[in-house]
Amino acid sequence: MIFPLTEKIGRKYALMVCAAVFQIGSLIQVLSFGHLSAIYAGRFVGGWGVGAACLIIPIYIAEISPPAIRGRLVGFFEIQFQIGAVFGFWIPYGVNRNIAASTQQWMIPFALQLIPGGILFFGMLLCKETPRWLAKTGNWEKALANLAYVRNLPQDHEYVAFEIHEMRAQLEHEAKWEGSGNLLVKQLKELGMKGVRNRLAIGMCMMMCQNLTGINGY
């Protein structure tokens, strides 16, 4: 559901929507006053926000990062995601060990969720929309300006021109695919190409191993 939205309004604003949904879910949990049904509802709403953000953030990173380090930066997101999950375990443990049994024990962990959600929402206000999405929507002038900004280079720099050229070639290639039919079959064939399939297998293996640890069970 989130992918059509991010294609329509862009990666930046879609991430802000995700952050807002997560904040709403966190507020429902904080204001649940111990009612289990409200806590479940808040977790459900917040889960939608987190799940959607986890889809868009790697796309945003990939589309805004330099090609030479793109894979490392996307991988760094996954590492930070797991570090965040570790904090998700230790915060309730610390609260349980240091605060006497009371409503504070469950309100503090729920309330702390508002911090990363708020950082994501307001932090995205300072971020630029991805040049690739702007180019895909035909706004090449803004795409060039944003690319030059994130690369900290003038718009007429040869490196910026090279990236814009590569971006245009890729989008034209994708447009030919879409216009020739059997797009799904061609995409599946490309995923099976040497080099691509290895990266895909590693990424899928990482996600499967992560879930097999039971980390999402808490």
N, C-alpha and C. Protein backbone atom coordinates (compact mmCIF):
# COMPACT_ATOMS: atom_id res chain seq x y z
N MET A 1 0.81 -1.21 0.00
CA MET A 1 0.00 0.00 0.00
C MET A 1 0.85 1.27 0.00
N ILE A 2 2.01 1.22 0.68
CA ILE A 2 2.81 2.43 0.80
C ILE A 2 3.56 2.75 -0.48
N PHE A 3 3.90 1.72 -1.29
CA PHE A 3 4.70 1.99 -2.48
C PHE A 3 3.99 2.89 -3.49
N PRO A 4 2.69 2.67 -3.78
CA PRO A 4 2.01 3.61 -4.68
C PRO A 4 2.01 5.05 -4.13
N LEU A 5 1.93 5.18 -2.79
CA LEU A 5 1.94 6.51 -2.20
C LEU A 5 3.29 7.19 -2.40
N THR A 6 4.37 6.43 -2.17
CA THR A 6 5.70 7.03 -2.32
C THR A 6 6.00 7.36 -3.78
N GLU A 7 5.39 6.59 -4.71
CA GLU A 7 5.55 6.92 -6.13
C GLU A 7 4.77 8.19 -6.49
N LYS A 8 3.70 8.45 -5.77
CA LYS A 8 2.85 9.60 -6.10
C LYS A 8 3.34 10.89 -5.46
N ILE A 9 3.68 10.86 -4.16
CA ILE A 9 4.04 12.09 -3.45
C ILE A 9 5.53 12.22 -3.18
N GLY A 10 6.30 11.20 -3.49
CA GLY A 10 7.74 11.28 -3.30
C GLY A 10 8.20 10.58 -2.04
N ARG A 11 9.50 10.28 -1.99
CA ARG A 11 10.06 9.55 -0.84
C ARG A 11 10.04 10.39 0.43
N LYS A 12 10.36 11.66 0.31
CA LYS A 12 10.45 12.53 1.48
C LYS A 12 9.11 12.63 2.21
N TYR A 13 8.08 12.99 1.49
CA TYR A 13 6.78 13.20 2.14
C TYR A 13 6.13 11.88 2.55
N ALA A 14 6.42 10.81 1.83
CA ALA A 14 5.92 9.50 2.24
C ALA A 14 6.53 9.10 3.58
N LEU A 15 7.82 9.40 3.77
CA LEU A 15 8.47 9.10 5.05
C LEU A 15 7.87 9.95 6.17
N MET A 16 7.51 11.17 5.87
CA MET A 16 6.87 12.02 6.88
C MET A 16 5.49 11.48 7.26
N VAL A 17 4.77 10.93 6.27
CA VAL A 17 3.49 10.29 6.56
C VAL A 17 3.69 9.09 7.47
N CYS A 18 4.71 8.29 7.16
CA CYS A 18 5.02 7.11 8.00
C CYS A 18 5.33 7.53 9.43
N ALA A 19 6.15 8.58 9.57
CA ALA A 19 6.50 9.06 10.91
C ALA A 19 5.26 9.55 11.66
N ALA A 20 4.36 10.24 10.94
CA ALA A 20 3.14 10.73 11.59
C ALA A 20 2.25 9.58 12.04
N VAL A 21 2.15 8.53 11.21
CA VAL A 21 1.35 7.35 11.58
C VAL A 21 1.96 6.69 12.81
N PHE A 22 3.27 6.56 12.82
CA PHE A 22 3.95 5.96 13.98
C PHE A 22 3.72 6.78 15.24
N GLN A 23 3.75 8.11 15.11
CA GLN A 23 3.52 8.98 16.27
C GLN A 23 2.10 8.82 16.80
N ILE A 24 1.15 8.69 15.89
CA ILE A 24 -0.24 8.48 16.32
C ILE A 24 -0.36 7.18 17.10
N GLY A 25 0.27 6.12 16.57
CA GLY A 25 0.25 4.84 17.26
C GLY A 25 0.88 4.93 18.64
N SER A 26 1.99 5.66 18.74
CA SER A 26 2.67 5.81 20.04
C SER A 26 1.80 6.59 21.02
N LEU A 27 1.14 7.62 20.52
CA LEU A 27 0.27 8.42 21.41
C LEU A 27 -0.91 7.59 21.91
N ILE A 28 -1.46 6.76 21.04
CA ILE A 28 -2.56 5.89 21.48
C ILE A 28 -2.10 4.99 22.62
N GLN A 29 -0.88 4.47 22.52
CA GLN A 29 -0.36 3.60 23.56
C GLN A 29 -0.13 4.36 24.86
N VAL A 30 0.45 5.56 24.76
CA VAL A 30 0.72 6.36 25.96
C VAL A 30 -0.58 6.76 26.66
N LEU A 31 -1.60 7.07 25.87
CA LEU A 31 -2.86 7.55 26.43
C LEU A 31 -3.88 6.42 26.62
N SER A 32 -3.42 5.18 26.59
CA SER A 32 -4.34 4.05 26.71
C SER A 32 -4.85 3.85 28.13
N PHE A 33 -4.14 4.43 29.12
CA PHE A 33 -4.53 4.31 30.53
C PHE A 33 -4.67 2.84 30.96
N GLY A 34 -3.80 2.01 30.40
CA GLY A 34 -3.78 0.61 30.80
C GLY A 34 -4.78 -0.28 30.11
N HIS A 35 -5.63 0.27 29.23
CA HIS A 35 -6.61 -0.56 28.53
C HIS A 35 -5.90 -1.37 27.45
N LEU A 36 -5.95 -2.68 27.58
CA LEU A 36 -5.21 -3.56 26.69
C LEU A 36 -5.65 -3.40 25.24
N SER A 37 -6.92 -3.21 24.99
CA SER A 37 -7.40 -3.06 23.62
C SER A 37 -6.81 -1.82 22.96
N ALA A 38 -6.69 -0.73 23.74
CA ALA A 38 -6.10 0.50 23.20
C ALA A 38 -4.61 0.30 22.92
N ILE A 39 -3.94 -0.45 23.78
CA ILE A 39 -2.51 -0.72 23.56
C ILE A 39 -2.33 -1.53 22.28
N TYR A 40 -3.18 -2.54 22.08
CA TYR A 40 -3.11 -3.33 20.86
C TYR A 40 -3.36 -2.45 19.62
N ALA A 41 -4.34 -1.58 19.74
CA ALA A 41 -4.65 -0.69 18.62
C ALA A 41 -3.47 0.23 18.30
N GLY A 42 -2.85 0.77 19.35
CA GLY A 42 -1.70 1.63 19.16
C GLY A 42 -0.53 0.90 18.54
N ARG A 43 -0.30 -0.35 18.98
CA ARG A 43 0.78 -1.14 18.41
C ARG A 43 0.50 -1.44 16.94
N PHE A 44 -0.76 -1.69 16.62
CA PHE A 44 -1.13 -1.97 15.24
C PHE A 44 -0.87 -0.76 14.34
N VAL A 45 -1.33 0.40 14.80
CA VAL A 45 -1.14 1.63 14.01
C VAL A 45 0.35 1.96 13.89
N GLY A 46 1.06 1.88 15.02
CA GLY A 46 2.49 2.16 14.98
C GLY A 46 3.24 1.18 14.09
N GLY A 47 2.80 -0.07 14.08
CA GLY A 47 3.44 -1.07 13.22
C GLY A 47 3.30 -0.76 11.75
N TRP A 48 2.16 -0.20 11.36
CA TRP A 48 1.98 0.23 9.98
C TRP A 48 3.02 1.30 9.62
N GLY A 49 3.21 2.26 10.53
CA GLY A 49 4.18 3.33 10.27
C GLY A 49 5.60 2.82 10.15
N VAL A 50 5.99 1.94 11.09
CA VAL A 50 7.35 1.40 11.08
C VAL A 50 7.58 0.52 9.85
N GLY A 51 6.62 -0.35 9.57
CA GLY A 51 6.76 -1.24 8.42
C GLY A 51 6.89 -0.49 7.11
N ALA A 52 6.07 0.54 6.95
CA ALA A 52 6.12 1.33 5.72
C ALA A 52 7.44 2.09 5.61
N ALA A 53 7.90 2.65 6.74
CA ALA A 53 9.16 3.39 6.74
C ALA A 53 10.33 2.49 6.39
N CYS A 54 10.28 1.24 6.87
CA CYS A 54 11.36 0.29 6.57
C CYS A 54 11.42 -0.06 5.10
N LEU A 55 10.33 0.13 4.38
CA LEU A 55 10.34 -0.07 2.94
C LEU A 55 10.91 1.14 2.22
N ILE A 56 10.54 2.34 2.68
CA ILE A 56 10.90 3.55 1.96
C ILE A 56 12.33 4.01 2.25
N ILE A 57 12.78 3.86 3.48
CA ILE A 57 14.11 4.37 3.86
C ILE A 57 15.22 3.79 2.99
N PRO A 58 15.28 2.46 2.75
CA PRO A 58 16.33 1.97 1.85
C PRO A 58 16.23 2.56 0.44
N ILE A 59 15.00 2.79 -0.04
CA ILE A 59 14.83 3.40 -1.35
C ILE A 59 15.37 4.82 -1.33
N TYR A 60 15.04 5.56 -0.28
CA TYR A 60 15.52 6.94 -0.17
C TYR A 60 17.05 6.98 -0.14
N ILE A 61 17.65 6.10 0.69
CA ILE A 61 19.10 6.07 0.79
C ILE A 61 19.73 5.72 -0.56
N ALA A 62 19.18 4.70 -1.22
CA ALA A 62 19.73 4.26 -2.51
C ALA A 62 19.65 5.35 -3.57
N GLU A 63 18.56 6.12 -3.55
CA GLU A 63 18.36 7.12 -4.59
C GLU A 63 19.11 8.42 -4.34
N ILE A 64 19.58 8.62 -3.12
CA ILE A 64 20.25 9.89 -2.81
C ILE A 64 21.74 9.72 -2.57
N SER A 65 22.22 8.47 -2.45
CA SER A 65 23.62 8.24 -2.13
C SER A 65 24.47 8.09 -3.39
N PRO A 66 25.77 8.37 -3.31
CA PRO A 66 26.66 8.17 -4.46
C PRO A 66 26.73 6.70 -4.86
N PRO A 67 26.79 6.39 -6.14
CA PRO A 67 26.80 4.99 -6.58
C PRO A 67 27.91 4.15 -5.95
N ALA A 68 29.07 4.76 -5.71
CA ALA A 68 30.22 4.00 -5.21
C ALA A 68 30.00 3.42 -3.81
N ILE A 69 29.18 4.08 -3.00
CA ILE A 69 28.97 3.61 -1.63
C ILE A 69 27.50 3.32 -1.35
N ARG A 70 26.71 3.19 -2.38
CA ARG A 70 25.26 3.01 -2.22
C ARG A 70 24.94 1.74 -1.43
N GLY A 71 25.56 0.64 -1.80
CA GLY A 71 25.28 -0.62 -1.12
C GLY A 71 25.65 -0.57 0.36
N ARG A 72 26.78 0.05 0.67
CA ARG A 72 27.22 0.14 2.06
C ARG A 72 26.26 0.98 2.90
N LEU A 73 25.76 2.06 2.32
CA LEU A 73 24.85 2.93 3.07
C LEU A 73 23.51 2.25 3.32
N VAL A 74 23.01 1.51 2.33
CA VAL A 74 21.76 0.77 2.54
C VAL A 74 21.97 -0.32 3.59
N GLY A 75 23.12 -0.99 3.53
CA GLY A 75 23.43 -1.99 4.55
C GLY A 75 23.58 -1.39 5.93
N PHE A 76 24.11 -0.17 6.00
CA PHE A 76 24.27 0.51 7.28
C PHE A 76 22.91 0.77 7.93
N PHE A 77 21.89 1.02 7.10
CA PHE A 77 20.55 1.20 7.64
C PHE A 77 20.09 -0.05 8.37
N GLU A 78 20.33 -1.22 7.78
CA GLU A 78 19.92 -2.48 8.40
C GLU A 78 20.63 -2.68 9.74
N ILE A 79 21.92 -2.33 9.77
CA ILE A 79 22.68 -2.45 11.03
C ILE A 79 22.07 -1.56 12.10
N GLN A 80 21.77 -0.32 11.74
CA GLN A 80 21.19 0.61 12.70
C GLN A 80 19.80 0.16 13.14
N PHE A 81 19.08 -0.46 12.23
CA PHE A 81 17.74 -0.98 12.57
C PHE A 81 17.85 -2.04 13.67
N GLN A 82 18.84 -2.91 13.54
CA GLN A 82 19.02 -3.95 14.55
C GLN A 82 19.51 -3.38 15.87
N ILE A 83 20.34 -2.34 15.81
CA ILE A 83 20.78 -1.68 17.04
C ILE A 83 19.57 -1.07 17.76
N GLY A 84 18.66 -0.49 16.99
CA GLY A 84 17.44 0.07 17.57
C GLY A 84 16.61 -1.01 18.24
N ALA A 85 16.57 -2.20 17.63
CA ALA A 85 15.82 -3.31 18.24
C ALA A 85 16.44 -3.73 19.56
N VAL A 86 17.77 -3.67 19.64
CA VAL A 86 18.45 -4.00 20.90
C VAL A 86 18.04 -3.01 21.99
N PHE A 87 17.99 -1.73 21.64
CA PHE A 87 17.52 -0.73 22.61
C PHE A 87 16.08 -1.01 23.02
N GLY A 88 15.29 -1.53 22.06
CA GLY A 88 13.91 -1.88 22.37
C GLY A 88 13.80 -2.94 23.45
N PHE A 89 14.80 -3.79 23.55
CA PHE A 89 14.83 -4.79 24.63
C PHE A 89 15.33 -4.19 25.94
N TRP A 90 16.40 -3.41 25.85
CA TRP A 90 17.07 -2.97 27.07
C TRP A 90 16.34 -1.86 27.81
N ILE A 91 15.59 -1.03 27.10
CA ILE A 91 14.86 0.04 27.78
C ILE A 91 13.81 -0.53 28.74
N PRO A 92 12.93 -1.45 28.30
CA PRO A 92 11.98 -2.04 29.27
C PRO A 92 12.69 -2.78 30.40
N TYR A 93 13.80 -3.44 30.08
CA TYR A 93 14.55 -4.14 31.13
C TYR A 93 15.06 -3.16 32.18
N GLY A 94 15.62 -2.04 31.71
CA GLY A 94 16.13 -1.04 32.64
C GLY A 94 15.03 -0.41 33.47
N VAL A 95 13.89 -0.14 32.84
CA VAL A 95 12.75 0.43 33.55
C VAL A 95 12.25 -0.55 34.61
N ASN A 96 12.16 -1.81 34.24
CA ASN A 96 11.69 -2.83 35.18
C ASN A 96 12.63 -2.99 36.37
N ARG A 97 13.93 -2.83 36.13
CA ARG A 97 14.91 -3.01 37.20
C ARG A 97 15.01 -1.81 38.13
N ASN A 98 14.69 -0.62 37.63
CA ASN A 98 14.97 0.60 38.39
C ASN A 98 13.74 1.38 38.82
N ILE A 99 12.57 1.02 38.34
CA ILE A 99 11.34 1.73 38.72
C ILE A 99 10.37 0.73 39.33
N ALA A 100 9.82 1.10 40.46
CA ALA A 100 8.87 0.22 41.14
C ALA A 100 7.64 -0.01 40.28
N ALA A 101 6.99 -1.15 40.50
CA ALA A 101 5.81 -1.50 39.72
C ALA A 101 4.76 -0.40 39.79
N SER A 102 4.46 0.17 38.64
CA SER A 102 3.47 1.26 38.55
C SER A 102 3.15 1.47 37.08
N THR A 103 2.26 2.42 36.80
CA THR A 103 1.93 2.73 35.40
C THR A 103 3.12 3.30 34.65
N GLN A 104 4.09 3.88 35.39
CA GLN A 104 5.28 4.44 34.74
C GLN A 104 6.08 3.37 34.02
N GLN A 105 6.04 2.15 34.54
CA GLN A 105 6.83 1.08 33.93
C GLN A 105 6.46 0.84 32.48
N TRP A 106 5.20 0.94 32.14
CA TRP A 106 4.82 0.72 30.75
C TRP A 106 4.67 2.03 29.98
N MET A 107 4.43 3.15 30.68
CA MET A 107 4.26 4.42 29.98
C MET A 107 5.60 4.96 29.45
N ILE A 108 6.68 4.75 30.21
CA ILE A 108 7.98 5.29 29.79
C ILE A 108 8.45 4.67 28.47
N PRO A 109 8.46 3.32 28.33
CA PRO A 109 8.87 2.77 27.03
C PRO A 109 7.98 3.23 25.87
N PHE A 110 6.66 3.31 26.12
CA PHE A 110 5.76 3.78 25.06
C PHE A 110 6.05 5.23 24.70
N ALA A 111 6.27 6.06 25.71
CA ALA A 111 6.51 7.49 25.47
C ALA A 111 7.83 7.72 24.74
N LEU A 112 8.83 6.90 25.04
CA LEU A 112 10.14 7.06 24.39
C LEU A 112 10.06 6.81 22.89
N GLN A 113 9.02 6.09 22.44
CA GLN A 113 8.85 5.89 21.00
C GLN A 113 8.63 7.20 20.26
N LEU A 114 8.12 8.21 20.97
CA LEU A 114 7.85 9.49 20.33
C LEU A 114 9.12 10.20 19.90
N ILE A 115 10.26 9.85 20.53
CA ILE A 115 11.52 10.53 20.20
C ILE A 115 12.01 10.18 18.80
N PRO A 116 12.23 8.88 18.48
CA PRO A 116 12.69 8.58 17.11
C PRO A 116 11.67 8.96 16.04
N GLY A 117 10.37 8.80 16.37
CA GLY A 117 9.35 9.20 15.40
C GLY A 117 9.40 10.69 15.12
N GLY A 118 9.58 11.49 16.17
CA GLY A 118 9.68 12.93 16.00
C GLY A 118 10.93 13.33 15.23
N ILE A 119 12.05 12.65 15.52
CA ILE A 119 13.30 12.95 14.81
C ILE A 119 13.14 12.67 13.32
N LEU A 120 12.48 11.55 12.99
CA LEU A 120 12.28 11.21 11.59
C LEU A 120 11.39 12.25 10.90
N PHE A 121 10.29 12.64 11.56
CA PHE A 121 9.35 13.59 10.94
C PHE A 121 10.01 14.94 10.70
N PHE A 122 10.57 15.52 11.77
CA PHE A 122 11.14 16.86 11.64
C PHE A 122 12.48 16.84 10.90
N GLY A 123 13.20 15.71 11.02
CA GLY A 123 14.46 15.61 10.28
C GLY A 123 14.24 15.60 8.78
N MET A 124 13.15 14.98 8.33
CA MET A 124 12.87 14.94 6.90
C MET A 124 12.55 16.31 6.33
N LEU A 125 12.13 17.23 7.20
CA LEU A 125 11.91 18.60 6.73
C LEU A 125 13.19 19.24 6.23
N LEU A 126 14.32 18.78 6.77
CA LEU A 126 15.62 19.33 6.39
C LEU A 126 16.24 18.59 5.22
N CYS A 127 15.64 17.47 4.83
CA CYS A 127 16.20 16.65 3.76
C CYS A 127 15.60 17.02 2.40
N LYS A 128 16.34 16.72 1.37
CA LYS A 128 15.89 16.97 0.00
C LYS A 128 15.16 15.75 -0.56
N GLU A 129 14.24 16.01 -1.47
CA GLU A 129 13.62 14.91 -2.20
C GLU A 129 14.68 14.26 -3.08
N THR A 130 14.53 12.96 -3.34
CA THR A 130 15.56 12.27 -4.11
C THR A 130 15.56 12.75 -5.56
N PRO A 131 16.75 12.99 -6.12
CA PRO A 131 16.82 13.43 -7.52
C PRO A 131 16.18 12.44 -8.49
N ARG A 132 16.30 11.14 -8.19
CA ARG A 132 15.76 10.15 -9.11
C ARG A 132 14.24 10.22 -9.20
N TRP A 133 13.57 10.41 -8.05
CA TRP A 133 12.12 10.50 -8.08
C TRP A 133 11.69 11.76 -8.84
N LEU A 134 12.40 12.85 -8.62
CA LEU A 134 12.09 14.09 -9.33
C LEU A 134 12.27 13.91 -10.83
N ALA A 135 13.36 13.22 -11.21
CA ALA A 135 13.61 12.97 -12.63
C ALA A 135 12.53 12.06 -13.21
N LYS A 136 12.11 11.08 -12.43
CA LYS A 136 11.08 10.14 -12.89
C LYS A 136 9.76 10.84 -13.14
N THR A 137 9.48 11.90 -12.39
CA THR A 137 8.25 12.66 -12.57
C THR A 137 8.41 13.78 -13.60
N GLY A 138 9.59 13.86 -14.21
CA GLY A 138 9.82 14.85 -15.25
C GLY A 138 10.37 16.18 -14.78
N ASN A 139 10.63 16.31 -13.49
CA ASN A 139 11.15 17.57 -12.95
C ASN A 139 12.68 17.54 -12.95
N TRP A 140 13.27 17.61 -14.13
CA TRP A 140 14.71 17.47 -14.26
C TRP A 140 15.47 18.66 -13.67
N GLU A 141 14.89 19.84 -13.75
CA GLU A 141 15.56 21.03 -13.21
C GLU A 141 15.75 20.90 -11.69
N LYS A 142 14.68 20.49 -11.00
CA LYS A 142 14.76 20.30 -9.55
C LYS A 142 15.65 19.11 -9.21
N ALA A 143 15.61 18.08 -10.04
CA ALA A 143 16.47 16.91 -9.82
C ALA A 143 17.94 17.31 -9.88
N LEU A 144 18.29 18.14 -10.85
CA LEU A 144 19.66 18.62 -10.98
C LEU A 144 20.07 19.46 -9.77
N ALA A 145 19.17 20.35 -9.33
CA ALA A 145 19.46 21.21 -8.17
C ALA A 145 19.67 20.37 -6.91
N ASN A 146 18.80 19.40 -6.69
CA ASN A 146 18.91 18.56 -5.49
C ASN A 146 20.15 17.68 -5.53
N LEU A 147 20.48 17.16 -6.70
CA LEU A 147 21.67 16.32 -6.83
C LEU A 147 22.93 17.13 -6.55
N ALA A 148 22.99 18.33 -7.09
CA ALA A 148 24.14 19.19 -6.84
C ALA A 148 24.25 19.55 -5.36
N TYR A 149 23.10 19.73 -4.71
CA TYR A 149 23.10 20.07 -3.28
C TYR A 149 23.64 18.91 -2.44
N VAL A 150 23.13 17.70 -2.67
CA VAL A 150 23.54 16.57 -1.84
C VAL A 150 24.98 16.14 -2.15
N ARG A 151 25.48 16.45 -3.34
CA ARG A 151 26.88 16.14 -3.66
C ARG A 151 27.82 17.29 -3.29
N ASN A 152 27.22 18.42 -2.89
CA ASN A 152 28.01 19.61 -2.52
C ASN A 152 28.90 20.04 -3.68
N LEU A 153 28.32 20.05 -4.87
CA LEU A 153 29.04 20.43 -6.07
C LEU A 153 28.18 21.41 -6.88
N PRO A 154 28.81 22.23 -7.72
CA PRO A 154 28.01 23.11 -8.59
C PRO A 154 27.23 22.30 -9.62
N GLN A 155 26.14 22.87 -10.08
CA GLN A 155 25.26 22.15 -11.00
C GLN A 155 25.94 21.82 -12.33
N ASP A 156 26.94 22.59 -12.71
CA ASP A 156 27.61 22.33 -13.98
C ASP A 156 28.85 21.45 -13.83
N HIS A 157 29.04 20.85 -12.64
CA HIS A 157 30.19 19.99 -12.42
C HIS A 157 30.05 18.71 -13.25
N GLU A 158 31.19 18.19 -13.74
CA GLU A 158 31.14 17.02 -14.62
C GLU A 158 30.61 15.77 -13.91
N TYR A 159 30.86 15.65 -12.60
CA TYR A 159 30.35 14.48 -11.87
C TYR A 159 28.83 14.53 -11.77
N VAL A 160 28.29 15.70 -11.51
CA VAL A 160 26.83 15.87 -11.46
C VAL A 160 26.23 15.57 -12.82
N ALA A 161 26.88 16.06 -13.88
CA ALA A 161 26.40 15.79 -15.24
C ALA A 161 26.43 14.30 -15.54
N PHE A 162 27.47 13.61 -15.05
CA PHE A 162 27.58 12.16 -15.26
C PHE A 162 26.43 11.42 -14.58
N GLU A 163 26.13 11.77 -13.33
CA GLU A 163 25.04 11.10 -12.62
C GLU A 163 23.70 11.38 -13.27
N ILE A 164 23.48 12.59 -13.72
CA ILE A 164 22.23 12.93 -14.39
C ILE A 164 22.10 12.13 -15.69
N HIS A 165 23.20 12.00 -16.41
CA HIS A 165 23.20 11.22 -17.65
C HIS A 165 22.85 9.76 -17.37
N GLU A 166 23.47 9.17 -16.34
CA GLU A 166 23.19 7.79 -15.97
C GLU A 166 21.74 7.62 -15.53
N MET A 167 21.23 8.59 -14.81
CA MET A 167 19.85 8.56 -14.33
C MET A 167 18.88 8.59 -15.53
N ARG A 168 19.19 9.45 -16.48
CA ARG A 168 18.33 9.56 -17.67
C ARG A 168 18.34 8.26 -18.48
N ALA A 169 19.53 7.67 -18.62
CA ALA A 169 19.64 6.42 -19.37
C ALA A 169 18.87 5.30 -18.70
N GLN A 170 18.95 5.23 -17.39
CA GLN A 170 18.23 4.18 -16.65
C GLN A 170 16.73 4.35 -16.77
N LEU A 171 16.25 5.58 -16.63
CA LEU A 171 14.81 5.83 -16.72
C LEU A 171 14.29 5.55 -18.13
N GLU A 172 15.09 5.87 -19.15
CA GLU A 172 14.69 5.56 -20.53
C GLU A 172 14.63 4.06 -20.75
N HIS A 173 15.59 3.34 -20.14
CA HIS A 173 15.60 1.88 -20.23
C HIS A 173 14.35 1.29 -19.59
N GLU A 174 13.98 1.81 -18.41
CA GLU A 174 12.79 1.33 -17.72
C GLU A 174 11.53 1.66 -18.52
N ALA A 175 11.51 2.84 -19.15
CA ALA A 175 10.35 3.23 -19.95
C ALA A 175 10.16 2.29 -21.15
N LYS A 176 11.26 1.85 -21.74
CA LYS A 176 11.18 0.89 -22.86
C LYS A 176 10.61 -0.43 -22.38
N TRP A 177 11.04 -0.85 -21.19
CA TRP A 177 10.52 -2.09 -20.61
C TRP A 177 9.01 -2.00 -20.43
N GLU A 178 8.58 -0.88 -19.85
CA GLU A 178 7.15 -0.72 -19.54
C GLU A 178 6.32 -0.66 -20.82
N GLY A 179 6.92 -0.15 -21.88
CA GLY A 179 6.17 -0.02 -23.13
C GLY A 179 6.19 -1.25 -24.00
N SER A 180 7.05 -2.22 -23.67
CA SER A 180 7.20 -3.40 -24.53
C SER A 180 6.41 -4.61 -24.06
N GLY A 181 5.72 -4.49 -22.89
CA GLY A 181 4.94 -5.61 -22.36
C GLY A 181 5.81 -6.62 -21.64
N ASN A 182 5.15 -7.56 -20.95
CA ASN A 182 5.85 -8.60 -20.19
C ASN A 182 6.89 -8.02 -19.23
N LEU A 183 6.53 -6.91 -18.58
CA LEU A 183 7.47 -6.23 -17.70
C LEU A 183 7.89 -7.13 -16.55
N LEU A 184 6.93 -7.84 -15.96
CA LEU A 184 7.23 -8.69 -14.81
C LEU A 184 8.23 -9.78 -15.16
N VAL A 185 8.03 -10.41 -16.32
CA VAL A 185 8.93 -11.48 -16.76
C VAL A 185 10.35 -10.94 -16.94
N LYS A 186 10.47 -9.78 -17.55
CA LYS A 186 11.79 -9.19 -17.79
C LYS A 186 12.46 -8.80 -16.47
N GLN A 187 11.68 -8.30 -15.52
CA GLN A 187 12.24 -7.95 -14.22
C GLN A 187 12.74 -9.19 -13.49
N LEU A 188 11.98 -10.27 -13.57
CA LEU A 188 12.40 -11.52 -12.92
C LEU A 188 13.67 -12.06 -13.56
N LYS A 189 13.78 -11.94 -14.88
CA LYS A 189 14.99 -12.38 -15.56
C LYS A 189 16.20 -11.56 -15.12
N GLU A 190 15.99 -10.26 -14.95
CA GLU A 190 17.10 -9.41 -14.52
C GLU A 190 17.54 -9.74 -13.10
N LEU A 191 16.57 -10.09 -12.24
CA LEU A 191 16.91 -10.49 -10.88
C LEU A 191 17.75 -11.76 -10.87
N GLY A 192 17.61 -12.59 -11.89
CA GLY A 192 18.37 -13.82 -11.96
C GLY A 192 19.71 -13.69 -12.64
N MET A 193 20.08 -12.48 -13.06
CA MET A 193 21.37 -12.28 -13.72
C MET A 193 22.52 -12.46 -12.74
N LYS A 194 23.64 -12.89 -13.26
CA LYS A 194 24.83 -13.08 -12.43
C LYS A 194 25.23 -11.75 -11.79
N GLY A 195 25.51 -11.78 -10.51
CA GLY A 195 25.84 -10.56 -9.77
C GLY A 195 24.63 -10.00 -9.06
N VAL A 196 23.50 -9.93 -9.77
CA VAL A 196 22.26 -9.44 -9.16
C VAL A 196 21.69 -10.50 -8.23
N ARG A 197 21.66 -11.75 -8.71
CA ARG A 197 21.06 -12.81 -7.90
C ARG A 197 21.83 -13.05 -6.61
N ASN A 198 23.14 -12.87 -6.64
CA ASN A 198 23.94 -13.05 -5.42
C ASN A 198 23.59 -11.98 -4.38
N ARG A 199 23.47 -10.75 -4.83
CA ARG A 199 23.12 -9.66 -3.91
C ARG A 199 21.72 -9.87 -3.35
N LEU A 200 20.81 -10.30 -4.23
CA LEU A 200 19.44 -10.56 -3.79
C LEU A 200 19.41 -11.68 -2.74
N ALA A 201 20.18 -12.74 -2.97
CA ALA A 201 20.21 -13.87 -2.04
C ALA A 201 20.78 -13.46 -0.69
N ILE A 202 21.81 -12.64 -0.71
CA ILE A 202 22.41 -12.18 0.55
C ILE A 202 21.42 -11.33 1.34
N GLY A 203 20.75 -10.41 0.64
CA GLY A 203 19.77 -9.56 1.31
C GLY A 203 18.62 -10.35 1.91
N MET A 204 18.11 -11.31 1.14
CA MET A 204 17.00 -12.15 1.64
C MET A 204 17.46 -13.01 2.81
N CYS A 205 18.68 -13.52 2.72
CA CYS A 205 19.21 -14.36 3.80
C CYS A 205 19.35 -13.56 5.09
N MET A 206 19.81 -12.31 4.97
CA MET A 206 19.95 -11.45 6.15
C MET A 206 18.61 -11.23 6.84
N MET A 207 17.58 -10.96 6.03
CA MET A 207 16.26 -10.70 6.60
C MET A 207 15.67 -11.97 7.22
N MET A 208 15.87 -13.12 6.58
CA MET A 208 15.35 -14.37 7.14
C MET A 208 16.05 -14.72 8.44
N CYS A 209 17.36 -14.58 8.45
CA CYS A 209 18.13 -14.89 9.67
C CYS A 209 17.74 -13.95 10.81
N GLN A 210 17.48 -12.69 10.47
CA GLN A 210 17.06 -11.72 11.48
C GLN A 210 15.77 -12.17 12.13
N ASN A 211 14.79 -12.58 11.33
CA ASN A 211 13.50 -12.99 11.87
C ASN A 211 13.58 -14.33 12.61
N LEU A 212 14.48 -15.21 12.16
CA LEU A 212 14.62 -16.51 12.81
C LEU A 212 15.21 -16.39 14.23
N THR A 213 15.86 -15.27 14.52
CA THR A 213 16.36 -15.08 15.88
C THR A 213 15.24 -14.81 16.87
N GLY A 214 14.04 -14.51 16.37
CA GLY A 214 12.92 -14.21 17.23
C GLY A 214 12.89 -12.77 17.72
N ILE A 215 13.66 -11.90 17.06
CA ILE A 215 13.80 -10.52 17.53
C ILE A 215 12.48 -9.75 17.47
N ASN A 216 11.60 -10.14 16.55
CA ASN A 216 10.32 -9.43 16.41
C ASN A 216 9.28 -9.94 17.40
N GLY A 217 9.65 -10.94 18.18
CA GLY A 217 8.68 -11.54 19.10
C GLY A 217 8.42 -10.74 20.36
N TYR A 218 9.32 -9.79 20.66
CA TYR A 218 9.13 -9.06 21.91
C TYR A 218 7.98 -8.09 21.81
